């Protein structure tokens, strides 16, 4: 079961919106 997110499945930013530029 492979999951891909911007900030991960846990942590204070897990639910934050974003795109490539925000992540890097």
PDBML (XML) file of the C-alpha atoms, coordinates in Angstrom:
<?xml version="1.0" encoding="UTF-8" ?>
<PDBx:datablock datablockName="MODEL"
   xmlns:PDBx="http://pdbml.pdb.org/schema/pdbx-v50.xsd"
   xmlns:xsi="http://www.w3.org/2001/XMLSchema-instance"
   xsi:schemaLocation="http://pdbml.pdb.org/schema/pdbx-v50.xsd pdbx-v50.xsd">
   <PDBx:atom_siteCategory>
      <PDBx:atom_site id="1">
         <PDBx:B_iso_or_equiv>0.00</PDBx:B_iso_or_equiv>
         <PDBx:Cartn_x>0.000</PDBx:Cartn_x>
         <PDBx:Cartn_y>0.000</PDBx:Cartn_y>
         <PDBx:Cartn_z>0.000</PDBx:Cartn_z>
         <PDBx:auth_asym_id>A</PDBx:auth_asym_id>
         <PDBx:auth_atom_id>CA</PDBx:auth_atom_id>
         <PDBx:auth_comp_id>UNK</PDBx:auth_comp_id>
         <PDBx:auth_seq_id>1</PDBx:auth_seq_id>
         <PDBx:group_PDB>ATOM</PDBx:group_PDB>
         <PDBx:label_alt_id xsi:nil="true" />
         <PDBx:label_asym_id>A</PDBx:label_asym_id>
         <PDBx:label_atom_id>CA</PDBx:label_atom_id>
         <PDBx:label_comp_id>UNK</PDBx:label_comp_id>
         <PDBx:label_entity_id>1</PDBx:label_entity_id>
         <PDBx:label_seq_id>1</PDBx:label_seq_id>
         <PDBx:occupancy>1.00</PDBx:occupancy>
         <PDBx:pdbx_PDB_model_num>1</PDBx:pdbx_PDB_model_num>
         <PDBx:type_symbol>C</PDBx:type_symbol>
      </PDBx:atom_site>
      <PDBx:atom_site id="2">
         <PDBx:B_iso_or_equiv>0.00</PDBx:B_iso_or_equiv>
         <PDBx:Cartn_x>2.050</PDBx:Cartn_x>
         <PDBx:Cartn_y>2.926</PDBx:Cartn_y>
         <PDBx:Cartn_z>-1.353</PDBx:Cartn_z>
         <PDBx:auth_asym_id>A</PDBx:auth_asym_id>
         <PDBx:auth_atom_id>CA</PDBx:auth_atom_id>
         <PDBx:auth_comp_id>UNK</PDBx:auth_comp_id>
         <PDBx:auth_seq_id>2</PDBx:auth_seq_id>
         <PDBx:group_PDB>ATOM</PDBx:group_PDB>
         <PDBx:label_alt_id xsi:nil="true" />
         <PDBx:label_asym_id>A</PDBx:label_asym_id>
         <PDBx:label_atom_id>CA</PDBx:label_atom_id>
         <PDBx:label_comp_id>UNK</PDBx:label_comp_id>
         <PDBx:label_entity_id>1</PDBx:label_entity_id>
         <PDBx:label_seq_id>2</PDBx:label_seq_id>
         <PDBx:occupancy>1.00</PDBx:occupancy>
         <PDBx:pdbx_PDB_model_num>1</PDBx:pdbx_PDB_model_num>
         <PDBx:type_symbol>C</PDBx:type_symbol>
      </PDBx:atom_site>
      <PDBx:atom_site id="3">
         <PDBx:B_iso_or_equiv>0.00</PDBx:B_iso_or_equiv>
         <PDBx:Cartn_x>1.202</PDBx:Cartn_x>
         <PDBx:Cartn_y>6.454</PDBx:Cartn_y>
         <PDBx:Cartn_z>-0.168</PDBx:Cartn_z>
         <PDBx:auth_asym_id>A</PDBx:auth_asym_id>
         <PDBx:auth_atom_id>CA</PDBx:auth_atom_id>
         <PDBx:auth_comp_id>UNK</PDBx:auth_comp_id>
         <PDBx:auth_seq_id>3</PDBx:auth_seq_id>
         <PDBx:group_PDB>ATOM</PDBx:group_PDB>
         <PDBx:label_alt_id xsi:nil="true" />
         <PDBx:label_asym_id>A</PDBx:label_asym_id>
         <PDBx:label_atom_id>CA</PDBx:label_atom_id>
         <PDBx:label_comp_id>UNK</PDBx:label_comp_id>
         <PDBx:label_entity_id>1</PDBx:label_entity_id>
         <PDBx:label_seq_id>3</PDBx:label_seq_id>
         <PDBx:occupancy>1.00</PDBx:occupancy>
         <PDBx:pdbx_PDB_model_num>1</PDBx:pdbx_PDB_model_num>
         <PDBx:type_symbol>C</PDBx:type_symbol>
      </PDBx:atom_site>
      <PDBx:atom_site id="4">
         <PDBx:B_iso_or_equiv>0.00</PDBx:B_iso_or_equiv>
         <PDBx:Cartn_x>2.539</PDBx:Cartn_x>
         <PDBx:Cartn_y>9.691</PDBx:Cartn_y>
         <PDBx:Cartn_z>-1.611</PDBx:Cartn_z>
         <PDBx:auth_asym_id>A</PDBx:auth_asym_id>
         <PDBx:auth_atom_id>CA</PDBx:auth_atom_id>
         <PDBx:auth_comp_id>UNK</PDBx:auth_comp_id>
         <PDBx:auth_seq_id>4</PDBx:auth_seq_id>
         <PDBx:group_PDB>ATOM</PDBx:group_PDB>
         <PDBx:label_alt_id xsi:nil="true" />
         <PDBx:label_asym_id>A</PDBx:label_asym_id>
         <PDBx:label_atom_id>CA</PDBx:label_atom_id>
         <PDBx:label_comp_id>UNK</PDBx:label_comp_id>
         <PDBx:label_entity_id>1</PDBx:label_entity_id>
         <PDBx:label_seq_id>4</PDBx:label_seq_id>
         <PDBx:occupancy>1.00</PDBx:occupancy>
         <PDBx:pdbx_PDB_model_num>1</PDBx:pdbx_PDB_model_num>
         <PDBx:type_symbol>C</PDBx:type_symbol>
      </PDBx:atom_site>
      <PDBx:atom_site id="5">
         <PDBx:B_iso_or_equiv>0.00</PDBx:B_iso_or_equiv>
         <PDBx:Cartn_x>2.031</PDBx:Cartn_x>
         <PDBx:Cartn_y>13.021</PDBx:Cartn_y>
         <PDBx:Cartn_z>0.150</PDBx:Cartn_z>
         <PDBx:auth_asym_id>A</PDBx:auth_asym_id>
         <PDBx:auth_atom_id>CA</PDBx:auth_atom_id>
         <PDBx:auth_comp_id>UNK</PDBx:auth_comp_id>
         <PDBx:auth_seq_id>5</PDBx:auth_seq_id>
         <PDBx:group_PDB>ATOM</PDBx:group_PDB>
         <PDBx:label_alt_id xsi:nil="true" />
         <PDBx:label_asym_id>A</PDBx:label_asym_id>
         <PDBx:label_atom_id>CA</PDBx:label_atom_id>
         <PDBx:label_comp_id>UNK</PDBx:label_comp_id>
         <PDBx:label_entity_id>1</PDBx:label_entity_id>
         <PDBx:label_seq_id>5</PDBx:label_seq_id>
         <PDBx:occupancy>1.00</PDBx:occupancy>
         <PDBx:pdbx_PDB_model_num>1</PDBx:pdbx_PDB_model_num>
         <PDBx:type_symbol>C</PDBx:type_symbol>
      </PDBx:atom_site>
      <PDBx:atom_site id="6">
         <PDBx:B_iso_or_equiv>0.00</PDBx:B_iso_or_equiv>
         <PDBx:Cartn_x>3.749</PDBx:Cartn_x>
         <PDBx:Cartn_y>16.359</PDBx:Cartn_y>
         <PDBx:Cartn_z>0.421</PDBx:Cartn_z>
         <PDBx:auth_asym_id>A</PDBx:auth_asym_id>
         <PDBx:auth_atom_id>CA</PDBx:auth_atom_id>
         <PDBx:auth_comp_id>UNK</PDBx:auth_comp_id>
         <PDBx:auth_seq_id>6</PDBx:auth_seq_id>
         <PDBx:group_PDB>ATOM</PDBx:group_PDB>
         <PDBx:label_alt_id xsi:nil="true" />
         <PDBx:label_asym_id>A</PDBx:label_asym_id>
         <PDBx:label_atom_id>CA</PDBx:label_atom_id>
         <PDBx:label_comp_id>UNK</PDBx:label_comp_id>
         <PDBx:label_entity_id>1</PDBx:label_entity_id>
         <PDBx:label_seq_id>6</PDBx:label_seq_id>
         <PDBx:occupancy>1.00</PDBx:occupancy>
         <PDBx:pdbx_PDB_model_num>1</PDBx:pdbx_PDB_model_num>
         <PDBx:type_symbol>C</PDBx:type_symbol>
      </PDBx:atom_site>
      <PDBx:atom_site id="7">
         <PDBx:B_iso_or_equiv>0.00</PDBx:B_iso_or_equiv>
         <PDBx:Cartn_x>4.568</PDBx:Cartn_x>
         <PDBx:Cartn_y>16.331</PDBx:Cartn_y>
         <PDBx:Cartn_z>4.128</PDBx:Cartn_z>
         <PDBx:auth_asym_id>A</PDBx:auth_asym_id>
         <PDBx:auth_atom_id>CA</PDBx:auth_atom_id>
         <PDBx:auth_comp_id>UNK</PDBx:auth_comp_id>
         <PDBx:auth_seq_id>7</PDBx:auth_seq_id>
         <PDBx:group_PDB>ATOM</PDBx:group_PDB>
         <PDBx:label_alt_id xsi:nil="true" />
         <PDBx:label_asym_id>A</PDBx:label_asym_id>
         <PDBx:label_atom_id>CA</PDBx:label_atom_id>
         <PDBx:label_comp_id>UNK</PDBx:label_comp_id>
         <PDBx:label_entity_id>1</PDBx:label_entity_id>
         <PDBx:label_seq_id>7</PDBx:label_seq_id>
         <PDBx:occupancy>1.00</PDBx:occupancy>
         <PDBx:pdbx_PDB_model_num>1</PDBx:pdbx_PDB_model_num>
         <PDBx:type_symbol>C</PDBx:type_symbol>
      </PDBx:atom_site>
      <PDBx:atom_site id="8">
         <PDBx:B_iso_or_equiv>0.00</PDBx:B_iso_or_equiv>
         <PDBx:Cartn_x>4.005</PDBx:Cartn_x>
         <PDBx:Cartn_y>12.726</PDBx:Cartn_y>
         <PDBx:Cartn_z>5.216</PDBx:Cartn_z>
         <PDBx:auth_asym_id>A</PDBx:auth_asym_id>
         <PDBx:auth_atom_id>CA</PDBx:auth_atom_id>
         <PDBx:auth_comp_id>UNK</PDBx:auth_comp_id>
         <PDBx:auth_seq_id>8</PDBx:auth_seq_id>
         <PDBx:group_PDB>ATOM</PDBx:group_PDB>
         <PDBx:label_alt_id xsi:nil="true" />
         <PDBx:label_asym_id>A</PDBx:label_asym_id>
         <PDBx:label_atom_id>CA</PDBx:label_atom_id>
         <PDBx:label_comp_id>UNK</PDBx:label_comp_id>
         <PDBx:label_entity_id>1</PDBx:label_entity_id>
         <PDBx:label_seq_id>8</PDBx:label_seq_id>
         <PDBx:occupancy>1.00</PDBx:occupancy>
         <PDBx:pdbx_PDB_model_num>1</PDBx:pdbx_PDB_model_num>
         <PDBx:type_symbol>C</PDBx:type_symbol>
      </PDBx:atom_site>
      <PDBx:atom_site id="9">
         <PDBx:B_iso_or_equiv>0.00</PDBx:B_iso_or_equiv>
         <PDBx:Cartn_x>1.303</PDBx:Cartn_x>
         <PDBx:Cartn_y>10.835</PDBx:Cartn_y>
         <PDBx:Cartn_z>7.067</PDBx:Cartn_z>
         <PDBx:auth_asym_id>A</PDBx:auth_asym_id>
         <PDBx:auth_atom_id>CA</PDBx:auth_atom_id>
         <PDBx:auth_comp_id>UNK</PDBx:auth_comp_id>
         <PDBx:auth_seq_id>9</PDBx:auth_seq_id>
         <PDBx:group_PDB>ATOM</PDBx:group_PDB>
         <PDBx:label_alt_id xsi:nil="true" />
         <PDBx:label_asym_id>A</PDBx:label_asym_id>
         <PDBx:label_atom_id>CA</PDBx:label_atom_id>
         <PDBx:label_comp_id>UNK</PDBx:label_comp_id>
         <PDBx:label_entity_id>1</PDBx:label_entity_id>
         <PDBx:label_seq_id>9</PDBx:label_seq_id>
         <PDBx:occupancy>1.00</PDBx:occupancy>
         <PDBx:pdbx_PDB_model_num>1</PDBx:pdbx_PDB_model_num>
         <PDBx:type_symbol>C</PDBx:type_symbol>
      </PDBx:atom_site>
      <PDBx:atom_site id="10">
         <PDBx:B_iso_or_equiv>0.00</PDBx:B_iso_or_equiv>
         <PDBx:Cartn_x>2.117</PDBx:Cartn_x>
         <PDBx:Cartn_y>12.449</PDBx:Cartn_y>
         <PDBx:Cartn_z>10.425</PDBx:Cartn_z>
         <PDBx:auth_asym_id>A</PDBx:auth_asym_id>
         <PDBx:auth_atom_id>CA</PDBx:auth_atom_id>
         <PDBx:auth_comp_id>UNK</PDBx:auth_comp_id>
         <PDBx:auth_seq_id>10</PDBx:auth_seq_id>
         <PDBx:group_PDB>ATOM</PDBx:group_PDB>
         <PDBx:label_alt_id xsi:nil="true" />
         <PDBx:label_asym_id>A</PDBx:label_asym_id>
         <PDBx:label_atom_id>CA</PDBx:label_atom_id>
         <PDBx:label_comp_id>UNK</PDBx:label_comp_id>
         <PDBx:label_entity_id>1</PDBx:label_entity_id>
         <PDBx:label_seq_id>10</PDBx:label_seq_id>
         <PDBx:occupancy>1.00</PDBx:occupancy>
         <PDBx:pdbx_PDB_model_num>1</PDBx:pdbx_PDB_model_num>
         <PDBx:type_symbol>C</PDBx:type_symbol>
      </PDBx:atom_site>
      <PDBx:atom_site id="11">
         <PDBx:B_iso_or_equiv>0.00</PDBx:B_iso_or_equiv>
         <PDBx:Cartn_x>3.529</PDBx:Cartn_x>
         <PDBx:Cartn_y>15.661</PDBx:Cartn_y>
         <PDBx:Cartn_z>11.867</PDBx:Cartn_z>
         <PDBx:auth_asym_id>A</PDBx:auth_asym_id>
         <PDBx:auth_atom_id>CA</PDBx:auth_atom_id>
         <PDBx:auth_comp_id>UNK</PDBx:auth_comp_id>
         <PDBx:auth_seq_id>11</PDBx:auth_seq_id>
         <PDBx:group_PDB>ATOM</PDBx:group_PDB>
         <PDBx:label_alt_id xsi:nil="true" />
         <PDBx:label_asym_id>A</PDBx:label_asym_id>
         <PDBx:label_atom_id>CA</PDBx:label_atom_id>
         <PDBx:label_comp_id>UNK</PDBx:label_comp_id>
         <PDBx:label_entity_id>1</PDBx:label_entity_id>
         <PDBx:label_seq_id>11</PDBx:label_seq_id>
         <PDBx:occupancy>1.00</PDBx:occupancy>
         <PDBx:pdbx_PDB_model_num>1</PDBx:pdbx_PDB_model_num>
         <PDBx:type_symbol>C</PDBx:type_symbol>
      </PDBx:atom_site>
      <PDBx:atom_site id="12">
         <PDBx:B_iso_or_equiv>0.00</PDBx:B_iso_or_equiv>
         <PDBx:Cartn_x>2.167</PDBx:Cartn_x>
         <PDBx:Cartn_y>19.177</PDBx:Cartn_y>
         <PDBx:Cartn_z>12.359</PDBx:Cartn_z>
         <PDBx:auth_asym_id>A</PDBx:auth_asym_id>
         <PDBx:auth_atom_id>CA</PDBx:auth_atom_id>
         <PDBx:auth_comp_id>UNK</PDBx:auth_comp_id>
         <PDBx:auth_seq_id>12</PDBx:auth_seq_id>
         <PDBx:group_PDB>ATOM</PDBx:group_PDB>
         <PDBx:label_alt_id xsi:nil="true" />
         <PDBx:label_asym_id>A</PDBx:label_asym_id>
         <PDBx:label_atom_id>CA</PDBx:label_atom_id>
         <PDBx:label_comp_id>UNK</PDBx:label_comp_id>
         <PDBx:label_entity_id>1</PDBx:label_entity_id>
         <PDBx:label_seq_id>12</PDBx:label_seq_id>
         <PDBx:occupancy>1.00</PDBx:occupancy>
         <PDBx:pdbx_PDB_model_num>1</PDBx:pdbx_PDB_model_num>
         <PDBx:type_symbol>C</PDBx:type_symbol>
      </PDBx:atom_site>
      <PDBx:atom_site id="13">
         <PDBx:B_iso_or_equiv>0.00</PDBx:B_iso_or_equiv>
         <PDBx:Cartn_x>2.023</PDBx:Cartn_x>
         <PDBx:Cartn_y>19.876</PDBx:Cartn_y>
         <PDBx:Cartn_z>8.586</PDBx:Cartn_z>
         <PDBx:auth_asym_id>A</PDBx:auth_asym_id>
         <PDBx:auth_atom_id>CA</PDBx:auth_atom_id>
         <PDBx:auth_comp_id>UNK</PDBx:auth_comp_id>
         <PDBx:auth_seq_id>13</PDBx:auth_seq_id>
         <PDBx:group_PDB>ATOM</PDBx:group_PDB>
         <PDBx:label_alt_id xsi:nil="true" />
         <PDBx:label_asym_id>A</PDBx:label_asym_id>
         <PDBx:label_atom_id>CA</PDBx:label_atom_id>
         <PDBx:label_comp_id>UNK</PDBx:label_comp_id>
         <PDBx:label_entity_id>1</PDBx:label_entity_id>
         <PDBx:label_seq_id>13</PDBx:label_seq_id>
         <PDBx:occupancy>1.00</PDBx:occupancy>
         <PDBx:pdbx_PDB_model_num>1</PDBx:pdbx_PDB_model_num>
         <PDBx:type_symbol>C</PDBx:type_symbol>
      </PDBx:atom_site>
      <PDBx:atom_site id="14">
         <PDBx:B_iso_or_equiv>0.00</PDBx:B_iso_or_equiv>
         <PDBx:Cartn_x>0.504</PDBx:Cartn_x>
         <PDBx:Cartn_y>16.574</PDBx:Cartn_y>
         <PDBx:Cartn_z>7.492</PDBx:Cartn_z>
         <PDBx:auth_asym_id>A</PDBx:auth_asym_id>
         <PDBx:auth_atom_id>CA</PDBx:auth_atom_id>
         <PDBx:auth_comp_id>UNK</PDBx:auth_comp_id>
         <PDBx:auth_seq_id>14</PDBx:auth_seq_id>
         <PDBx:group_PDB>ATOM</PDBx:group_PDB>
         <PDBx:label_alt_id xsi:nil="true" />
         <PDBx:label_asym_id>A</PDBx:label_asym_id>
         <PDBx:label_atom_id>CA</PDBx:label_atom_id>
         <PDBx:label_comp_id>UNK</PDBx:label_comp_id>
         <PDBx:label_entity_id>1</PDBx:label_entity_id>
         <PDBx:label_seq_id>14</PDBx:label_seq_id>
         <PDBx:occupancy>1.00</PDBx:occupancy>
         <PDBx:pdbx_PDB_model_num>1</PDBx:pdbx_PDB_model_num>
         <PDBx:type_symbol>C</PDBx:type_symbol>
      </PDBx:atom_site>
      <PDBx:atom_site id="15">
         <PDBx:B_iso_or_equiv>0.00</PDBx:B_iso_or_equiv>
         <PDBx:Cartn_x>-2.792</PDBx:Cartn_x>
         <PDBx:Cartn_y>18.238</PDBx:Cartn_y>
         <PDBx:Cartn_z>6.520</PDBx:Cartn_z>
         <PDBx:auth_asym_id>A</PDBx:auth_asym_id>
         <PDBx:auth_atom_id>CA</PDBx:auth_atom_id>
         <PDBx:auth_comp_id>UNK</PDBx:auth_comp_id>
         <PDBx:auth_seq_id>15</PDBx:auth_seq_id>
         <PDBx:group_PDB>ATOM</PDBx:group_PDB>
         <PDBx:label_alt_id xsi:nil="true" />
         <PDBx:label_asym_id>A</PDBx:label_asym_id>
         <PDBx:label_atom_id>CA</PDBx:label_atom_id>
         <PDBx:label_comp_id>UNK</PDBx:label_comp_id>
         <PDBx:label_entity_id>1</PDBx:label_entity_id>
         <PDBx:label_seq_id>15</PDBx:label_seq_id>
         <PDBx:occupancy>1.00</PDBx:occupancy>
         <PDBx:pdbx_PDB_model_num>1</PDBx:pdbx_PDB_model_num>
         <PDBx:type_symbol>C</PDBx:type_symbol>
      </PDBx:atom_site>
      <PDBx:atom_site id="16">
         <PDBx:B_iso_or_equiv>0.00</PDBx:B_iso_or_equiv>
         <PDBx:Cartn_x>-1.301</PDBx:Cartn_x>
         <PDBx:Cartn_y>21.384</PDBx:Cartn_y>
         <PDBx:Cartn_z>4.963</PDBx:Cartn_z>
         <PDBx:auth_asym_id>A</PDBx:auth_asym_id>
         <PDBx:auth_atom_id>CA</PDBx:auth_atom_id>
         <PDBx:auth_comp_id>UNK</PDBx:auth_comp_id>
         <PDBx:auth_seq_id>16</PDBx:auth_seq_id>
         <PDBx:group_PDB>ATOM</PDBx:group_PDB>
         <PDBx:label_alt_id xsi:nil="true" />
         <PDBx:label_asym_id>A</PDBx:label_asym_id>
         <PDBx:label_atom_id>CA</PDBx:label_atom_id>
         <PDBx:label_comp_id>UNK</PDBx:label_comp_id>
         <PDBx:label_entity_id>1</PDBx:label_entity_id>
         <PDBx:label_seq_id>16</PDBx:label_seq_id>
         <PDBx:occupancy>1.00</PDBx:occupancy>
         <PDBx:pdbx_PDB_model_num>1</PDBx:pdbx_PDB_model_num>
         <PDBx:type_symbol>C</PDBx:type_symbol>
      </PDBx:atom_site>
      <PDBx:atom_site id="17">
         <PDBx:B_iso_or_equiv>0.00</PDBx:B_iso_or_equiv>
         <PDBx:Cartn_x>-1.901</PDBx:Cartn_x>
         <PDBx:Cartn_y>22.144</PDBx:Cartn_y>
         <PDBx:Cartn_z>1.295</PDBx:Cartn_z>
         <PDBx:auth_asym_id>A</PDBx:auth_asym_id>
         <PDBx:auth_atom_id>CA</PDBx:auth_atom_id>
         <PDBx:auth_comp_id>UNK</PDBx:auth_comp_id>
         <PDBx:auth_seq_id>17</PDBx:auth_seq_id>
         <PDBx:group_PDB>ATOM</PDBx:group_PDB>
         <PDBx:label_alt_id xsi:nil="true" />
         <PDBx:label_asym_id>A</PDBx:label_asym_id>
         <PDBx:label_atom_id>CA</PDBx:label_atom_id>
         <PDBx:label_comp_id>UNK</PDBx:label_comp_id>
         <PDBx:label_entity_id>1</PDBx:label_entity_id>
         <PDBx:label_seq_id>17</PDBx:label_seq_id>
         <PDBx:occupancy>1.00</PDBx:occupancy>
         <PDBx:pdbx_PDB_model_num>1</PDBx:pdbx_PDB_model_num>
         <PDBx:type_symbol>C</PDBx:type_symbol>
      </PDBx:atom_site>
      <PDBx:atom_site id="18">
         <PDBx:B_iso_or_equiv>0.00</PDBx:B_iso_or_equiv>
         <PDBx:Cartn_x>1.073</PDBx:Cartn_x>
         <PDBx:Cartn_y>22.503</PDBx:Cartn_y>
         <PDBx:Cartn_z>-1.013</PDBx:Cartn_z>
         <PDBx:auth_asym_id>A</PDBx:auth_asym_id>
         <PDBx:auth_atom_id>CA</PDBx:auth_atom_id>
         <PDBx:auth_comp_id>UNK</PDBx:auth_comp_id>
         <PDBx:auth_seq_id>18</PDBx:auth_seq_id>
         <PDBx:group_PDB>ATOM</PDBx:group_PDB>
         <PDBx:label_alt_id xsi:nil="true" />
         <PDBx:label_asym_id>A</PDBx:label_asym_id>
         <PDBx:label_atom_id>CA</PDBx:label_atom_id>
         <PDBx:label_comp_id>UNK</PDBx:label_comp_id>
         <PDBx:label_entity_id>1</PDBx:label_entity_id>
         <PDBx:label_seq_id>18</PDBx:label_seq_id>
         <PDBx:occupancy>1.00</PDBx:occupancy>
         <PDBx:pdbx_PDB_model_num>1</PDBx:pdbx_PDB_model_num>
         <PDBx:type_symbol>C</PDBx:type_symbol>
      </PDBx:atom_site>
      <PDBx:atom_site id="19">
         <PDBx:B_iso_or_equiv>0.00</PDBx:B_iso_or_equiv>
         <PDBx:Cartn_x>2.783</PDBx:Cartn_x>
         <PDBx:Cartn_y>21.800</PDBx:Cartn_y>
         <PDBx:Cartn_z>-4.300</PDBx:Cartn_z>
         <PDBx:auth_asym_id>A</PDBx:auth_asym_id>
         <PDBx:auth_atom_id>CA</PDBx:auth_atom_id>
         <PDBx:auth_comp_id>UNK</PDBx:auth_comp_id>
         <PDBx:auth_seq_id>19</PDBx:auth_seq_id>
         <PDBx:group_PDB>ATOM</PDBx:group_PDB>
         <PDBx:label_alt_id xsi:nil="true" />
         <PDBx:label_asym_id>A</PDBx:label_asym_id>
         <PDBx:label_atom_id>CA</PDBx:label_atom_id>
         <PDBx:label_comp_id>UNK</PDBx:label_comp_id>
         <PDBx:label_entity_id>1</PDBx:label_entity_id>
         <PDBx:label_seq_id>19</PDBx:label_seq_id>
         <PDBx:occupancy>1.00</PDBx:occupancy>
         <PDBx:pdbx_PDB_model_num>1</PDBx:pdbx_PDB_model_num>
         <PDBx:type_symbol>C</PDBx:type_symbol>
      </PDBx:atom_site>
      <PDBx:atom_site id="20">
         <PDBx:B_iso_or_equiv>0.00</PDBx:B_iso_or_equiv>
         <PDBx:Cartn_x>6.318</PDBx:Cartn_x>
         <PDBx:Cartn_y>20.922</PDBx:Cartn_y>
         <PDBx:Cartn_z>-5.383</PDBx:Cartn_z>
         <PDBx:auth_asym_id>A</PDBx:auth_asym_id>
         <PDBx:auth_atom_id>CA</PDBx:auth_atom_id>
         <PDBx:auth_comp_id>UNK</PDBx:auth_comp_id>
         <PDBx:auth_seq_id>20</PDBx:auth_seq_id>
         <PDBx:group_PDB>ATOM</PDBx:group_PDB>
         <PDBx:label_alt_id xsi:nil="true" />
         <PDBx:label_asym_id>A</PDBx:label_asym_id>
         <PDBx:label_atom_id>CA</PDBx:label_atom_id>
         <PDBx:label_comp_id>UNK</PDBx:label_comp_id>
         <PDBx:label_entity_id>1</PDBx:label_entity_id>
         <PDBx:label_seq_id>20</PDBx:label_seq_id>
         <PDBx:occupancy>1.00</PDBx:occupancy>
         <PDBx:pdbx_PDB_model_num>1</PDBx:pdbx_PDB_model_num>
         <PDBx:type_symbol>C</PDBx:type_symbol>
      </PDBx:atom_site>
      <PDBx:atom_site id="21">
         <PDBx:B_iso_or_equiv>0.00</PDBx:B_iso_or_equiv>
         <PDBx:Cartn_x>7.671</PDBx:Cartn_x>
         <PDBx:Cartn_y>24.405</PDBx:Cartn_y>
         <PDBx:Cartn_z>-4.721</PDBx:Cartn_z>
         <PDBx:auth_asym_id>A</PDBx:auth_asym_id>
         <PDBx:auth_atom_id>CA</PDBx:auth_atom_id>
         <PDBx:auth_comp_id>UNK</PDBx:auth_comp_id>
         <PDBx:auth_seq_id>21</PDBx:auth_seq_id>
         <PDBx:group_PDB>ATOM</PDBx:group_PDB>
         <PDBx:label_alt_id xsi:nil="true" />
         <PDBx:label_asym_id>A</PDBx:label_asym_id>
         <PDBx:label_atom_id>CA</PDBx:label_atom_id>
         <PDBx:label_comp_id>UNK</PDBx:label_comp_id>
         <PDBx:label_entity_id>1</PDBx:label_entity_id>
         <PDBx:label_seq_id>21</PDBx:label_seq_id>
         <PDBx:occupancy>1.00</PDBx:occupancy>
         <PDBx:pdbx_PDB_model_num>1</PDBx:pdbx_PDB_model_num>
         <PDBx:type_symbol>C</PDBx:type_symbol>
      </PDBx:atom_site>
      <PDBx:atom_site id="22">
         <PDBx:B_iso_or_equiv>0.00</PDBx:B_iso_or_equiv>
         <PDBx:Cartn_x>6.346</PDBx:Cartn_x>
         <PDBx:Cartn_y>24.411</PDBx:Cartn_y>
         <PDBx:Cartn_z>-1.153</PDBx:Cartn_z>
         <PDBx:auth_asym_id>A</PDBx:auth_asym_id>
         <PDBx:auth_atom_id>CA</PDBx:auth_atom_id>
         <PDBx:auth_comp_id>UNK</PDBx:auth_comp_id>
         <PDBx:auth_seq_id>22</PDBx:auth_seq_id>
         <PDBx:group_PDB>ATOM</PDBx:group_PDB>
         <PDBx:label_alt_id xsi:nil="true" />
         <PDBx:label_asym_id>A</PDBx:label_asym_id>
         <PDBx:label_atom_id>CA</PDBx:label_atom_id>
         <PDBx:label_comp_id>UNK</PDBx:label_comp_id>
         <PDBx:label_entity_id>1</PDBx:label_entity_id>
         <PDBx:label_seq_id>22</PDBx:label_seq_id>
         <PDBx:occupancy>1.00</PDBx:occupancy>
         <PDBx:pdbx_PDB_model_num>1</PDBx:pdbx_PDB_model_num>
         <PDBx:type_symbol>C</PDBx:type_symbol>
      </PDBx:atom_site>
      <PDBx:atom_site id="23">
         <PDBx:B_iso_or_equiv>0.00</PDBx:B_iso_or_equiv>
         <PDBx:Cartn_x>7.797</PDBx:Cartn_x>
         <PDBx:Cartn_y>20.999</PDBx:Cartn_y>
         <PDBx:Cartn_z>-0.394</PDBx:Cartn_z>
         <PDBx:auth_asym_id>A</PDBx:auth_asym_id>
         <PDBx:auth_atom_id>CA</PDBx:auth_atom_id>
         <PDBx:auth_comp_id>UNK</PDBx:auth_comp_id>
         <PDBx:auth_seq_id>23</PDBx:auth_seq_id>
         <PDBx:group_PDB>ATOM</PDBx:group_PDB>
         <PDBx:label_alt_id xsi:nil="true" />
         <PDBx:label_asym_id>A</PDBx:label_asym_id>
         <PDBx:label_atom_id>CA</PDBx:label_atom_id>
         <PDBx:label_comp_id>UNK</PDBx:label_comp_id>
         <PDBx:label_entity_id>1</PDBx:label_entity_id>
         <PDBx:label_seq_id>23</PDBx:label_seq_id>
         <PDBx:occupancy>1.00</PDBx:occupancy>
         <PDBx:pdbx_PDB_model_num>1</PDBx:pdbx_PDB_model_num>
         <PDBx:type_symbol>C</PDBx:type_symbol>
      </PDBx:atom_site>
      <PDBx:atom_site id="24">
         <PDBx:B_iso_or_equiv>0.00</PDBx:B_iso_or_equiv>
         <PDBx:Cartn_x>11.294</PDBx:Cartn_x>
         <PDBx:Cartn_y>21.750</PDBx:Cartn_y>
         <PDBx:Cartn_z>-1.661</PDBx:Cartn_z>
         <PDBx:auth_asym_id>A</PDBx:auth_asym_id>
         <PDBx:auth_atom_id>CA</PDBx:auth_atom_id>
         <PDBx:auth_comp_id>UNK</PDBx:auth_comp_id>
         <PDBx:auth_seq_id>24</PDBx:auth_seq_id>
         <PDBx:group_PDB>ATOM</PDBx:group_PDB>
         <PDBx:label_alt_id xsi:nil="true" />
         <PDBx:label_asym_id>A</PDBx:label_asym_id>
         <PDBx:label_atom_id>CA</PDBx:label_atom_id>
         <PDBx:label_comp_id>UNK</PDBx:label_comp_id>
         <PDBx:label_entity_id>1</PDBx:label_entity_id>
         <PDBx:label_seq_id>24</PDBx:label_seq_id>
         <PDBx:occupancy>1.00</PDBx:occupancy>
         <PDBx:pdbx_PDB_model_num>1</PDBx:pdbx_PDB_model_num>
         <PDBx:type_symbol>C</PDBx:type_symbol>
      </PDBx:atom_site>
   </PDBx:atom_siteCategory>
</PDBx:datablock>
